Amino acid sequence: MSPHPPAFSPVVLIVEDEALLRMLAVDFLEDEGFVVLEAATAEEAVSILESRADIGVLFTDVNMPGTMDGLGLATHVAERWPHIRLVVTSGRQGLTSDQLPDDGQFVQKPYGQRQLVSAIAHAA
């Protein structure tokens, strides 16, 4: 699979409420050598972000339950942790990089391994 992650791969935090999609994304990225953390909600993701300093990329779905959706999470991360790169996904809406905070990237669902790995590697 190409492109390969950089020699130093940042930790990727995947935030996806659909367990099967989250497991698939984790498998895609771990198969390519990325270190991956996972969360089911934005609130859980914030808790993880507050406890770790090694996260370099956030990959989040837009539509999630809870008090904060994926766009709210991406905005919060861009403000509080500006070093973290953003990759956002949705199957319900298409977004452009202009609609995402901090030059984030958008990956349309359904995505394949090559598409996801490329977006994460580019963000890293």
PDB file of N, CA and C in Angstrom:
ATOM      1  N   MET A   1       0.857  -1.170   0.000  1.00  0.00           N
ATOM      2  CA  MET A   1       0.000   0.000   0.000  1.00  0.00           C
ATOM      3  C   MET A   1       0.893   1.219   0.000  1.00  0.00           C
ATOM      4  N   SER A   2       0.478   2.228  -0.644  1.00  0.00           N
ATOM      5  CA  SER A   2       1.295   3.415  -0.779  1.00  0.00           C
ATOM      6  C   SER A   2       0.375   4.622  -0.706  1.00  0.00           C
ATOM      7  N   PRO A   3       0.752   5.760  -0.222  1.00  0.00           N
ATOM      8  CA  PRO A   3       2.076   6.034   0.317  1.00  0.00           C
ATOM      9  C   PRO A   3       2.233   5.455   1.710  1.00  0.00           C
ATOM     10  N   HIS A   4       3.480   5.147   2.057  1.00  0.00           N
ATOM     11  CA  HIS A   4       3.756   4.633   3.387  1.00  0.00           C
ATOM     12  C   HIS A   4       3.789   5.784   4.367  1.00  0.00           C
ATOM     13  N   PRO A   5       3.533   5.503   5.631  1.00  0.00           N
ATOM     14  CA  PRO A   5       3.622   6.568   6.617  1.00  0.00           C
ATOM     15  C   PRO A   5       5.041   7.097   6.688  1.00  0.00           C
ATOM     16  N   PRO A   6       5.214   8.335   7.123  1.00  0.00           N
ATOM     17  CA  PRO A   6       6.551   8.892   7.240  1.00  0.00           C
ATOM     18  C   PRO A   6       7.395   8.055   8.203  1.00  0.00           C
ATOM     19  N   ALA A   7       8.709   8.223   8.135  1.00  0.00           N
ATOM     20  CA  ALA A   7       9.610   7.474   9.005  1.00  0.00           C
ATOM     21  C   ALA A   7       9.201   7.643  10.465  1.00  0.00           C
ATOM     22  N   PHE A   8       8.830   8.847  10.840  1.00  0.00           N
ATOM     23  CA  PHE A   8       8.280   9.081  12.172  1.00  0.00           C
ATOM     24  C   PHE A   8       6.789   9.301  11.984  1.00  0.00           C
ATOM     25  N   SER A   9       5.988   8.317  12.345  1.00  0.00           N
ATOM     26  CA  SER A   9       4.541   8.423  12.194  1.00  0.00           C
ATOM     27  C   SER A   9       3.919   8.947  13.473  1.00  0.00           C
ATOM     28  N   PRO A  10       3.174  10.053  13.370  1.00  0.00           N
ATOM     29  CA  PRO A  10       2.498  10.538  14.567  1.00  0.00           C
ATOM     30  C   PRO A  10       1.365   9.592  14.956  1.00  0.00           C
ATOM     31  N   VAL A  11       0.978   9.666  16.198  1.00  0.00           N
ATOM     32  CA  VAL A  11      -0.162   8.890  16.668  1.00  0.00           C
ATOM     33  C   VAL A  11      -1.423   9.486  16.053  1.00  0.00           C
ATOM     34  N   VAL A  12      -2.309   8.621  15.587  1.00  0.00           N
ATOM     35  CA  VAL A  12      -3.569   9.046  14.975  1.00  0.00           C
ATOM     36  C   VAL A  12      -4.710   8.713  15.930  1.00  0.00           C
ATOM     37  N   LEU A  13      -5.556   9.700  16.208  1.00  0.00           N
ATOM     38  CA  LEU A  13      -6.751   9.488  17.018  1.00  0.00           C
ATOM     39  C   LEU A  13      -7.951   9.427  16.083  1.00  0.00           C
ATOM     40  N   ILE A  14      -8.622   8.274  16.051  1.00  0.00           N
ATOM     41  CA  ILE A  14      -9.812   8.076  15.228  1.00  0.00           C
ATOM     42  C   ILE A  14     -11.035   8.266  16.111  1.00  0.00           C
ATOM     43  N   VAL A  15     -11.957   9.131  15.668  1.00  0.00           N
ATOM     44  CA  VAL A  15     -13.186   9.386  16.410  1.00  0.00           C
ATOM     45  C   VAL A  15     -14.357   9.040  15.497  1.00  0.00           C
ATOM     46  N   GLU A  16     -15.015   7.929  15.800  1.00  0.00           N
ATOM     47  CA  GLU A  16     -16.100   7.403  14.973  1.00  0.00           C
ATOM     48  C   GLU A  16     -17.062   6.662  15.886  1.00  0.00           C
ATOM     49  N   ASP A  17     -18.350   7.033  15.841  1.00  0.00           N
ATOM     50  CA  ASP A  17     -19.325   6.387  16.720  1.00  0.00           C
ATOM     51  C   ASP A  17     -19.766   5.020  16.225  1.00  0.00           C
ATOM     52  N   GLU A  18     -19.649   4.741  14.951  1.00  0.00           N
ATOM     53  CA  GLU A  18     -20.008   3.433  14.402  1.00  0.00           C
ATOM     54  C   GLU A  18     -18.845   2.471  14.623  1.00  0.00           C
ATOM     55  N   ALA A  19     -19.039   1.489  15.518  1.00  0.00           N
ATOM     56  CA  ALA A  19     -17.950   0.603  15.937  1.00  0.00           C
ATOM     57  C   ALA A  19     -17.280  -0.124  14.769  1.00  0.00           C
ATOM     58  N   LEU A  20     -18.069  -0.635  13.823  1.00  0.00           N
ATOM     59  CA  LEU A  20     -17.476  -1.373  12.699  1.00  0.00           C
ATOM     60  C   LEU A  20     -16.628  -0.468  11.814  1.00  0.00           C
ATOM     61  N   LEU A  21     -17.099   0.751  11.559  1.00  0.00           N
ATOM     62  CA  LEU A  21     -16.317   1.697  10.756  1.00  0.00           C
ATOM     63  C   LEU A  21     -15.043   2.105  11.485  1.00  0.00           C
ATOM     64  N   ARG A  22     -15.147   2.292  12.801  1.00  0.00           N
ATOM     65  CA  ARG A  22     -13.972   2.654  13.591  1.00  0.00           C
ATOM     66  C   ARG A  22     -12.947   1.524  13.542  1.00  0.00           C
ATOM     67  N   MET A  23     -13.390   0.273  13.724  1.00  0.00           N
ATOM     68  CA  MET A  23     -12.474  -0.870  13.672  1.00  0.00           C
ATOM     69  C   MET A  23     -11.821  -0.997  12.298  1.00  0.00           C
ATOM     70  N   LEU A  24     -12.588  -0.745  11.248  1.00  0.00           N
ATOM     71  CA  LEU A  24     -12.040  -0.818   9.895  1.00  0.00           C
ATOM     72  C   LEU A  24     -10.957   0.238   9.691  1.00  0.00           C
ATOM     73  N   ALA A  25     -11.236   1.474  10.113  1.00  0.00           N
ATOM     74  CA  ALA A  25     -10.243   2.547   9.972  1.00  0.00           C
ATOM     75  C   ALA A  25      -8.989   2.235  10.787  1.00  0.00           C
ATOM     76  N   VAL A  26      -9.177   1.724  11.988  1.00  0.00           N
ATOM     77  CA  VAL A  26      -8.028   1.336  12.820  1.00  0.00           C
ATOM     78  C   VAL A  26      -7.201   0.278  12.092  1.00  0.00           C
ATOM     79  N   ASP A  27      -7.854  -0.745  11.567  1.00  0.00           N
ATOM     80  CA  ASP A  27      -7.145  -1.808  10.835  1.00  0.00           C
ATOM     81  C   ASP A  27      -6.392  -1.251   9.634  1.00  0.00           C
ATOM     82  N   PHE A  28      -7.057  -0.382   8.848  1.00  0.00           N
ATOM     83  CA  PHE A  28      -6.413   0.216   7.671  1.00  0.00           C
ATOM     84  C   PHE A  28      -5.105   0.900   8.058  1.00  0.00           C
ATOM     85  N   LEU A  29      -5.164   1.707   9.118  1.00  0.00           N
ATOM     86  CA  LEU A  29      -3.991   2.501   9.491  1.00  0.00           C
ATOM     87  C   LEU A  29      -2.926   1.673  10.205  1.00  0.00           C
ATOM     88  N   GLU A  30      -3.342   0.767  11.064  1.00  0.00           N
ATOM     89  CA  GLU A  30      -2.356  -0.089  11.732  1.00  0.00           C
ATOM     90  C   GLU A  30      -1.630  -0.981  10.731  1.00  0.00           C
ATOM     91  N   ASP A  31      -2.340  -1.438   9.688  1.00  0.00           N
ATOM     92  CA  ASP A  31      -1.707  -2.241   8.639  1.00  0.00           C
ATOM     93  C   ASP A  31      -0.583  -1.485   7.944  1.00  0.00           C
ATOM     94  N   GLU A  32      -0.659  -0.156   7.978  1.00  0.00           N
ATOM     95  CA  GLU A  32       0.355   0.674   7.328  1.00  0.00           C
ATOM     96  C   GLU A  32       1.401   1.199   8.304  1.00  0.00           C
ATOM     97  N   GLY A  33       1.333   0.755   9.550  1.00  0.00           N
ATOM     98  CA  GLY A  33       2.368   1.113  10.512  1.00  0.00           C
ATOM     99  C   GLY A  33       2.058   2.295  11.404  1.00  0.00           C
ATOM    100  N   PHE A  34       0.863   2.854  11.297  1.00  0.00           N
ATOM    101  CA  PHE A  34       0.503   3.970  12.177  1.00  0.00           C
ATOM    102  C   PHE A  34       0.142   3.444  13.571  1.00  0.00           C
ATOM    103  N   VAL A  35       0.426   4.231  14.579  1.00  0.00           N
ATOM    104  CA  VAL A  35      -0.050   3.972  15.934  1.00  0.00           C
ATOM    105  C   VAL A  35      -1.401   4.669  16.040  1.00  0.00           C
ATOM    106  N   VAL A  36      -2.418   3.923  16.473  1.00  0.00           N
ATOM    107  CA  VAL A  36      -3.784   4.430  16.435  1.00  0.00           C
ATOM    108  C   VAL A  36      -4.452   4.337  17.797  1.00  0.00           C
ATOM    109  N   LEU A  37      -5.132   5.417  18.161  1.00  0.00           N
ATOM    110  CA  LEU A  37      -6.010   5.445  19.333  1.00  0.00           C
ATOM    111  C   LEU A  37      -7.421   5.612  18.811  1.00  0.00           C
ATOM    112  N   GLU A  38      -8.415   5.248  19.619  1.00  0.00           N
ATOM    113  CA  GLU A  38      -9.784   5.373  19.128  1.00  0.00           C
ATOM    114  C   GLU A  38     -10.723   5.884  20.206  1.00  0.00           C
ATOM    115  N   ALA A  39     -11.745   6.599  19.737  1.00  0.00           N
ATOM    116  CA  ALA A  39     -12.788   7.138  20.602  1.00  0.00           C
ATOM    117  C   ALA A  39     -14.115   7.043  19.866  1.00  0.00           C
ATOM    118  N   ALA A  40     -15.202   6.882  20.626  1.00  0.00           N
ATOM    119  CA  ALA A  40     -16.534   6.766  20.039  1.00  0.00           C
ATOM    120  C   ALA A  40     -17.294   8.086  20.031  1.00  0.00           C
ATOM    121  N   THR A  41     -16.832   9.066  20.814  1.00  0.00           N
ATOM    122  CA  THR A  41     -17.493  10.367  20.888  1.00  0.00           C
ATOM    123  C   THR A  41     -16.450  11.474  20.947  1.00  0.00           C
ATOM    124  N   ALA A  42     -16.894  12.688  20.685  1.00  0.00           N
ATOM    125  CA  ALA A  42     -16.000  13.842  20.790  1.00  0.00           C
ATOM    126  C   ALA A  42     -15.540  14.041  22.225  1.00  0.00           C
ATOM    127  N   GLU A  43     -16.438  13.813  23.159  1.00  0.00           N
ATOM    128  CA  GLU A  43     -16.090  13.979  24.569  1.00  0.00           C
ATOM    129  C   GLU A  43     -14.996  12.993  24.984  1.00  0.00           C
ATOM    130  N   GLU A  44     -15.109  11.768  24.529  1.00  0.00           N
ATOM    131  CA  GLU A  44     -14.081  10.766  24.804  1.00  0.00           C
ATOM    132  C   GLU A  44     -12.761  11.166  24.147  1.00  0.00           C
ATOM    133  N   ALA A  45     -12.837  11.710  22.948  1.00  0.00           N
ATOM    134  CA  ALA A  45     -11.639  12.148  22.232  1.00  0.00           C
ATOM    135  C   ALA A  45     -10.931  13.270  22.992  1.00  0.00           C
ATOM    136  N   VAL A  46     -11.688  14.231  23.499  1.00  0.00           N
ATOM    137  CA  VAL A  46     -11.085  15.334  24.253  1.00  0.00           C
ATOM    138  C   VAL A  46     -10.370  14.804  25.491  1.00  0.00           C
ATOM    139  N   SER A  47     -10.972  13.851  26.156  1.00  0.00           N
ATOM    140  CA  SER A  47     -10.342  13.246  27.333  1.00  0.00           C
ATOM    141  C   SER A  47      -9.008  12.595  26.959  1.00  0.00           C
ATOM    142  N   ILE A  48      -8.979  11.891  25.844  1.00  0.00           N
ATOM    143  CA  ILE A  48      -7.740  11.263  25.369  1.00  0.00           C
ATOM    144  C   ILE A  48      -6.713  12.337  25.007  1.00  0.00           C
ATOM    145  N   LEU A  49      -7.146  13.365  24.300  1.00  0.00           N
ATOM    146  CA  LEU A  49      -6.243  14.449  23.902  1.00  0.00           C
ATOM    147  C   LEU A  49      -5.632  15.143  25.115  1.00  0.00           C
ATOM    148  N   GLU A  50      -6.414  15.299  26.166  1.00  0.00           N
ATOM    149  CA  GLU A  50      -5.913  15.947  27.377  1.00  0.00           C
ATOM    150  C   GLU A  50      -4.887  15.094  28.115  1.00  0.00           C
ATOM    151  N   SER A  51      -4.897  13.788  27.865  1.00  0.00           N
ATOM    152  CA  SER A  51      -4.009  12.893  28.601  1.00  0.00           C
ATOM    153  C   SER A  51      -2.759  12.494  27.825  1.00  0.00           C
ATOM    154  N   ARG A  52      -2.662  12.905  26.550  1.00  0.00           N
ATOM    155  CA  ARG A  52      -1.522  12.487  25.720  1.00  0.00           C
ATOM    156  C   ARG A  52      -0.966  13.666  24.947  1.00  0.00           C
ATOM    157  N   ALA A  53       0.344  13.689  24.806  1.00  0.00           N
ATOM    158  CA  ALA A  53       0.991  14.769  24.065  1.00  0.00           C
ATOM    159  C   ALA A  53       1.526  14.306  22.713  1.00  0.00           C
ATOM    160  N   ASP A  54       1.342  13.020  22.383  1.00  0.00           N
ATOM    161  CA  ASP A  54       1.953  12.467  21.173  1.00  0.00           C
ATOM    162  C   ASP A  54       0.999  12.347  19.986  1.00  0.00           C
ATOM    163  N   ILE A  55      -0.226  12.831  20.111  1.00  0.00           N
ATOM    164  CA  ILE A  55      -1.188  12.721  19.015  1.00  0.00           C
ATOM    165  C   ILE A  55      -0.868  13.788  17.972  1.00  0.00           C
ATOM    166  N   GLY A  56      -0.736  13.332  16.718  1.00  0.00           N
ATOM    167  CA  GLY A  56      -0.377  14.246  15.641  1.00  0.00           C
ATOM    168  C   GLY A  56      -1.466  14.449  14.614  1.00  0.00           C
ATOM    169  N   VAL A  57      -2.415  13.499  14.515  1.00  0.00           N
ATOM    170  CA  VAL A  57      -3.491  13.589  13.534  1.00  0.00           C
ATOM    171  C   VAL A  57      -4.803  13.167  14.191  1.00  0.00           C
ATOM    172  N   LEU A  58      -5.840  13.953  13.952  1.00  0.00           N
ATOM    173  CA  LEU A  58      -7.195  13.613  14.372  1.00  0.00           C
ATOM    174  C   LEU A  58      -7.988  13.251  13.124  1.00  0.00           C
ATOM    175  N   PHE A  59      -8.586  12.052  13.127  1.00  0.00           N
ATOM    176  CA  PHE A  59      -9.474  11.619  12.043  1.00  0.00           C
ATOM    177  C   PHE A  59     -10.852  11.458  12.651  1.00  0.00           C
ATOM    178  N   THR A  60     -11.793  12.327  12.276  1.00  0.00           N
ATOM    179  CA  THR A  60     -13.097  12.329  12.913  1.00  0.00           C
ATOM    180  C   THR A  60     -14.247  12.328  11.915  1.00  0.00           C
ATOM    181  N   ASP A  61     -15.300  11.612  12.297  1.00  0.00           N
ATOM    182  CA  ASP A  61     -16.558  11.663  11.569  1.00  0.00           C
ATOM    183  C   ASP A  61     -17.254  12.966  11.944  1.00  0.00           C
ATOM    184  N   VAL A  62     -18.090  13.494  11.056  1.00  0.00           N
ATOM    185  CA  VAL A  62     -18.837  14.723  11.338  1.00  0.00           C
ATOM    186  C   VAL A  62     -20.023  14.428  12.244  1.00  0.00           C
ATOM    187  N   ASN A  63     -20.848  13.470  11.861  1.00  0.00           N
ATOM    188  CA  ASN A  63     -22.094  13.197  12.581  1.00  0.00           C
ATOM    189  C   ASN A  63     -21.867  12.190  13.686  1.00  0.00           C
ATOM    190  N   MET A  64     -21.946  12.684  14.934  1.00  0.00           N
ATOM    191  CA  MET A  64     -21.754  11.826  16.103  1.00  0.00           C
ATOM    192  C   MET A  64     -22.714  12.263  17.202  1.00  0.00           C
ATOM    193  N   PRO A  65     -23.080  11.326  18.065  1.00  0.00           N
ATOM    194  CA  PRO A  65     -23.945  11.685  19.192  1.00  0.00           C
ATOM    195  C   PRO A  65     -23.149  12.454  20.244  1.00  0.00           C
ATOM    196  N   GLY A  66     -23.875  13.077  21.144  1.00  0.00           N
ATOM    197  CA  GLY A  66     -23.216  13.796  22.233  1.00  0.00           C
ATOM    198  C   GLY A  66     -23.387  15.292  22.085  1.00  0.00           C
ATOM    199  N   THR A  67     -22.651  16.015  22.894  1.00  0.00           N
ATOM    200  CA  THR A  67     -22.791  17.474  22.907  1.00  0.00           C
ATOM    201  C   THR A  67     -21.954  18.167  21.845  1.00  0.00           C
ATOM    202  N   MET A  68     -21.053  17.426  21.199  1.00  0.00           N
ATOM    203  CA  MET A  68     -20.176  18.025  20.197  1.00  0.00           C
ATOM    204  C   MET A  68     -20.082  17.089  18.997  1.00  0.00           C
ATOM    205  N   ASP A  69     -20.290  17.628  17.796  1.00  0.00           N
ATOM    206  CA  ASP A  69     -20.119  16.809  16.595  1.00  0.00           C
ATOM    207  C   ASP A  69     -18.662  16.879  16.142  1.00  0.00           C
ATOM    208  N   GLY A  70     -18.367  16.210  15.026  1.00  0.00           N
ATOM    209  CA  GLY A  70     -16.992  16.156  14.544  1.00  0.00           C
ATOM    210  C   GLY A  70     -16.430  17.491  14.103  1.00  0.00           C
ATOM    211  N   LEU A  71     -17.275  18.363  13.536  1.00  0.00           N
ATOM    212  CA  LEU A  71     -16.788  19.688  13.151  1.00  0.00           C
ATOM    213  C   LEU A  71     -16.484  20.522  14.383  1.00  0.00           C
ATOM    214  N   GLY A  72     -17.330  20.405  15.406  1.00  0.00           N
ATOM    215  CA  GLY A  72     -17.058  21.099  16.663  1.00  0.00           C
ATOM    216  C   GLY A  72     -15.770  20.600  17.288  1.00  0.00           C
ATOM    217  N   LEU A  73     -15.567  19.285  17.241  1.00  0.00           N
ATOM    218  CA  LEU A  73     -14.335  18.700  17.759  1.00  0.00           C
ATOM    219  C   LEU A  73     -13.128  19.211  16.979  1.00  0.00           C
ATOM    220  N   ALA A  74     -13.215  19.214  15.659  1.00  0.00           N
ATOM    221  CA  ALA A  74     -12.100  19.685  14.833  1.00  0.00           C
ATOM    222  C   ALA A  74     -11.769  21.147  15.145  1.00  0.00           C
ATOM    223  N   THR A  75     -12.790  21.965  15.319  1.00  0.00           N
ATOM    224  CA  THR A  75     -12.574  23.382  15.657  1.00  0.00           C
ATOM    225  C   THR A  75     -11.902  23.497  17.021  1.00  0.00           C
ATOM    226  N   HIS A  76     -12.381  22.731  17.992  1.00  0.00           N
ATOM    227  CA  HIS A  76     -11.805  22.741  19.342  1.00  0.00           C
ATOM    228  C   HIS A  76     -10.341  22.312  19.306  1.00  0.00           C
ATOM    229  N   VAL A  77     -10.056  21.258  18.568  1.00  0.00           N
ATOM    230  CA  VAL A  77      -8.681  20.756  18.469  1.00  0.00           C
ATOM    231  C   VAL A  77      -7.783  21.786  17.790  1.00  0.00           C
ATOM    232  N   ALA A  78      -8.271  22.418  16.728  1.00  0.00           N
ATOM    233  CA  ALA A  78      -7.475  23.431  16.024  1.00  0.00           C
ATOM    234  C   ALA A  78      -7.127  24.608  16.940  1.00  0.00           C
ATOM    235  N   GLU A  79      -8.042  24.944  17.829  1.00  0.00           N
ATOM    236  CA  GLU A  79      -7.798  26.058  18.748  1.00  0.00           C
ATOM    237  C   GLU A  79      -6.900  25.657  19.915  1.00  0.00           C
ATOM    238  N   ARG A  80      -7.143  24.496  20.491  1.00  0.00           N
ATOM    239  CA  ARG A  80      -6.430  24.095  21.702  1.00  0.00           C
ATOM    240  C   ARG A  80      -5.122  23.357  21.430  1.00  0.00           C
ATOM    241  N   TRP A  81      -5.096  22.567  20.359  1.00  0.00           N
ATOM    242  CA  TRP A  81      -3.906  21.801  19.995  1.00  0.00           C
ATOM    243  C   TRP A  81      -3.578  22.092  18.524  1.00  0.00           C
ATOM    244  N   PRO A  82      -3.084  23.282  18.216  1.00  0.00           N
ATOM    245  CA  PRO A  82      -2.881  23.664  16.808  1.00  0.00           C
ATOM    246  C   PRO A  82      -1.859  22.819  16.057  1.00  0.00           C
ATOM    247  N   HIS A  83      -1.028  22.062  16.761  1.00  0.00           N
ATOM    248  CA  HIS A  83      -0.049  21.193  16.091  1.00  0.00           C
ATOM    249  C   HIS A  83      -0.694  19.928  15.525  1.00  0.00           C
ATOM    250  N   ILE A  84      -1.908  19.599  15.955  1.00  0.00           N
ATOM    251  CA  ILE A  84      -2.576  18.383  15.487  1.00  0.00           C
ATOM    252  C   ILE A  84      -3.232  18.649  14.138  1.00  0.00           C
ATOM    253  N   ARG A  85      -2.916  17.817  13.156  1.00  0.00           N
ATOM    254  CA  ARG A  85      -3.493  17.933  11.818  1.00  0.00           C
ATOM    255  C   ARG A  85      -4.874  17.293  11.824  1.00  0.00           C
ATOM    256  N   LEU A  86      -5.751  17.767  10.956  1.00  0.00           N
ATOM    257  CA  LEU A  86      -7.149  17.346  10.943  1.00  0.00           C
ATOM    258  C   LEU A  86      -7.539  16.660   9.638  1.00  0.00           C
ATOM    259  N   VAL A  87      -8.222  15.519   9.767  1.00  0.00           N
ATOM    260  CA  VAL A  87      -8.832  14.823   8.642  1.00  0.00           C
ATOM    261  C   VAL A  87     -10.254  14.505   9.075  1.00  0.00           C
ATOM    262  N   VAL A  88     -11.229  14.947   8.277  1.00  0.00           N
ATOM    263  CA  VAL A  88     -12.644  14.835   8.625  1.00  0.00           C
ATOM    264  C   VAL A  88     -13.335  13.970   7.577  1.00  0.00           C
ATOM    265  N   THR A  89     -14.320  13.168   8.022  1.00  0.00           N
ATOM    266  CA  THR A  89     -15.059  12.311   7.103  1.00  0.00           C
ATOM    267  C   THR A  89     -16.559  12.418   7.342  1.00  0.00           C
ATOM    268  N   SER A  90     -17.333  12.123   6.315  1.00  0.00           N
ATOM    269  CA  SER A  90     -18.794  12.059   6.431  1.00  0.00           C
ATOM    270  C   SER A  90     -19.345  11.308   5.235  1.00  0.00           C
ATOM    271  N   GLY A  91     -20.425  10.598   5.473  1.00  0.00           N
ATOM    272  CA  GLY A  91     -21.150   9.957   4.383  1.00  0.00           C
ATOM    273  C   GLY A  91     -22.396  10.733   4.030  1.00  0.00           C
ATOM    274  N   ARG A  92     -22.722  11.726   4.831  1.00  0.00           N
ATOM    275  CA  ARG A  92     -23.952  12.495   4.630  1.00  0.00           C
ATOM    276  C   ARG A  92     -23.730  13.826   3.945  1.00  0.00           C
ATOM    277  N   GLN A  93     -22.543  14.369   4.059  1.00  0.00           N
ATOM    278  CA  GLN A  93     -22.280  15.670   3.449  1.00  0.00           C
ATOM    279  C   GLN A  93     -20.859  15.720   2.943  1.00  0.00           C
ATOM    280  N   GLY A  94     -20.666  16.476   1.898  1.00  0.00           N
ATOM    281  CA  GLY A  94     -19.335  16.689   1.371  1.00  0.00           C
ATOM    282  C   GLY A  94     -18.849  18.050   1.824  1.00  0.00           C
ATOM    283  N   LEU A  95     -17.606  18.130   2.196  1.00  0.00           N
ATOM    284  CA  LEU A  95     -17.029  19.386   2.654  1.00  0.00           C
ATOM    285  C   LEU A  95     -15.769  19.677   1.864  1.00  0.00           C
ATOM    286  N   THR A  96     -15.424  20.928   1.787  1.00  0.00           N
ATOM    287  CA  THR A  96     -14.161  21.325   1.164  1.00  0.00           C
ATOM    288  C   THR A  96     -13.201  21.741   2.270  1.00  0.00           C
ATOM    289  N   SER A  97     -11.936  21.853   1.927  1.00  0.00           N
ATOM    290  CA  SER A  97     -10.953  22.263   2.931  1.00  0.00           C
ATOM    291  C   SER A  97     -11.256  23.659   3.463  1.00  0.00           C
ATOM    292  N   ASP A  98     -11.912  24.490   2.654  1.00  0.00           N
ATOM    293  CA  ASP A  98     -12.284  25.829   3.115  1.00  0.00           C
ATOM    294  C   ASP A  98     -13.325  25.780   4.229  1.00  0.00           C
ATOM    295  N   GLN A  99     -14.088  24.709   4.323  1.00  0.00           N
ATOM    296  CA  GLN A  99     -15.124  24.571   5.338  1.00  0.00           C
ATOM    297  C   GLN A  99     -14.603  23.906   6.613  1.00  0.00           C
ATOM    298  N   LEU A 100     -13.341  23.522   6.608  1.00  0.00           N
ATOM    299  CA  LEU A 100     -12.746  22.844   7.755  1.00  0.00           C
ATOM    300  C   LEU A 100     -11.742  23.769   8.432  1.00  0.00           C
ATOM    301  N   PRO A 101     -11.624  23.661   9.741  1.00  0.00           N
ATOM    302  CA  PRO A 101     -10.636  24.491  10.430  1.00  0.00           C
ATOM    303  C   PRO A 101      -9.215  24.074  10.082  1.00  0.00           C
ATOM    304  N   ASP A 102      -8.326  25.036  10.129  1.00  0.00           N
ATOM    305  CA  ASP A 102      -6.882  24.796  10.074  1.00  0.00           C
ATOM    306  C   ASP A 102      -6.432  23.951   8.881  1.00  0.00           C
ATOM    307  N   ASP A 103      -6.955  24.257   7.696  1.00  0.00           N
ATOM    308  CA  ASP A 103      -6.542  23.542   6.476  1.00  0.00           C
ATOM    309  C   ASP A 103      -6.724  22.035   6.573  1.00  0.00           C
ATOM    310  N   GLY A 104      -7.775  21.604   7.265  1.00  0.00           N
ATOM    311  CA  GLY A 104      -8.061  20.184   7.385  1.00  0.00           C
ATOM    312  C   GLY A 104      -8.411  19.575   6.036  1.00  0.00           C
ATOM    313  N   GLN A 105      -8.336  18.259   5.973  1.00  0.00           N
ATOM    314  CA  GLN A 105      -8.682  17.515   4.760  1.00  0.00           C
ATOM    315  C   GLN A 105     -10.016  16.806   4.960  1.00  0.00           C
ATOM    316  N   PHE A 106     -10.728  16.587   3.861  1.00  0.00           N
ATOM    317  CA  PHE A 106     -11.988  15.865   3.917  1.00  0.00           C
ATOM    318  C   PHE A 106     -11.866  14.565   3.129  1.00  0.00           C
ATOM    319  N   VAL A 107     -12.384  13.471   3.716  1.00  0.00           N
ATOM    320  CA  VAL A 107     -12.430  12.162   3.064  1.00  0.00           C
ATOM    321  C   VAL A 107     -13.886  11.718   3.064  1.00  0.00           C
ATOM    322  N   GLN A 108     -14.442  11.532   1.875  1.00  0.00           N
ATOM    323  CA  GLN A 108     -15.851  11.129   1.741  1.00  0.00           C
ATOM    324  C   GLN A 108     -16.016   9.646   2.073  1.00  0.00           C
ATOM    325  N   LYS A 109     -17.061   9.327   2.843  1.00  0.00           N
ATOM    326  CA  LYS A 109     -17.441   7.929   3.076  1.00  0.00           C
ATOM    327  C   LYS A 109     -18.275   7.458   1.900  1.00  0.00           C
ATOM    328  N   PRO A 110     -18.212   6.238   1.510  1.00  0.00           N
ATOM    329  CA  PRO A 110     -17.294   5.224   2.016  1.00  0.00           C
ATOM    330  C   PRO A 110     -15.899   5.433   1.430  1.00  0.00           C
ATOM    331  N   TYR A 111     -14.898   5.236   2.226  1.00  0.00           N
ATOM    332  CA  TYR A 111     -13.516   5.395   1.778  1.00  0.00           C
ATOM    333  C   TYR A 111     -12.838   4.028   1.802  1.00  0.00           C
ATOM    334  N   GLY A 112     -11.816   3.905   1.003  1.00  0.00           N
ATOM    335  CA  GLY A 112     -11.019   2.680   0.983  1.00  0.00           C
ATOM    336  C   GLY A 112      -9.725   2.887   1.741  1.00  0.00           C
ATOM    337  N   GLN A 113      -8.993   1.802   1.917  1.00  0.00           N
ATOM    338  CA  GLN A 113      -7.741   1.868   2.652  1.00  0.00           C
ATOM    339  C   GLN A 113      -6.763   2.846   2.013  1.00  0.00           C
ATOM    340  N   ARG A 114      -6.627   2.778   0.713  1.00  0.00           N
ATOM    341  CA  ARG A 114      -5.669   3.640   0.026  1.00  0.00           C
ATOM    342  C   ARG A 114      -6.017   5.116   0.219  1.00  0.00           C
ATOM    343  N   GLN A 115      -7.303   5.439   0.105  1.00  0.00           N
ATOM    344  CA  GLN A 115      -7.739   6.826   0.264  1.00  0.00           C
ATOM    345  C   GLN A 115      -7.485   7.333   1.690  1.00  0.00           C
ATOM    346  N   LEU A 116      -7.808   6.513   2.691  1.00  0.00           N
ATOM    347  CA  LEU A 116      -7.604   6.931   4.082  1.00  0.00           C
ATOM    348  C   LEU A 116      -6.126   7.054   4.402  1.00  0.00           C
ATOM    349  N   VAL A 117      -5.343   6.070   4.046  1.00  0.00           N
ATOM    350  CA  VAL A 117      -3.912   6.103   4.332  1.00  0.00           C
ATOM    351  C   VAL A 117      -3.268   7.311   3.667  1.00  0.00           C
ATOM    352  N   SER A 118      -3.649   7.598   2.444  1.00  0.00           N
ATOM    353  CA  SER A 118      -3.106   8.760   1.741  1.00  0.00           C
ATOM    354  C   SER A 118      -3.425  10.058   2.460  1.00  0.00           C
ATOM    355  N   ALA A 119      -4.675  10.214   2.910  1.00  0.00           N
ATOM    356  CA  ALA A 119      -5.073  11.444   3.612  1.00  0.00           C
ATOM    357  C   ALA A 119      -4.311  11.588   4.931  1.00  0.00           C
ATOM    358  N   ILE A 120      -4.188  10.501   5.681  1.00  0.00           N
ATOM    359  CA  ILE A 120      -3.490  10.550   6.967  1.00  0.00           C
ATOM    360  C   ILE A 120      -2.002  10.812   6.752  1.00  0.00           C
ATOM    361  N   ALA A 121      -1.394  10.131   5.787  1.00  0.00           N
ATOM    362  CA  ALA A 121       0.030  10.341   5.494  1.00  0.00           C
ATOM    363  C   ALA A 121       0.289  11.777   5.038  1.00  0.00           C
ATOM    364  N   HIS A 122      -0.609  12.326   4.246  1.00  0.00           N
ATOM    365  CA  HIS A 122      -0.483  13.711   3.777  1.00  0.00           C
ATOM    366  C   HIS A 122      -0.603  14.673   4.951  1.00  0.00           C
ATOM    367  N   ALA A 123      -1.522  14.400   5.857  1.00  0.00           N
ATOM    368  CA  ALA A 123      -1.702  15.271   7.028  1.00  0.00           C
ATOM    369  C   ALA A 123      -0.499  15.205   7.946  1.00  0.00           C
ATOM    370  N   ALA A 124       0.073  14.013   8.058  1.00  0.00           N
ATOM    371  CA  ALA A 124       1.217  13.834   8.966  1.00  0.00           C
ATOM    372  C   ALA A 124       2.419  14.579   8.455  1.00  0.00           C
TER     373      ALA A 124
END
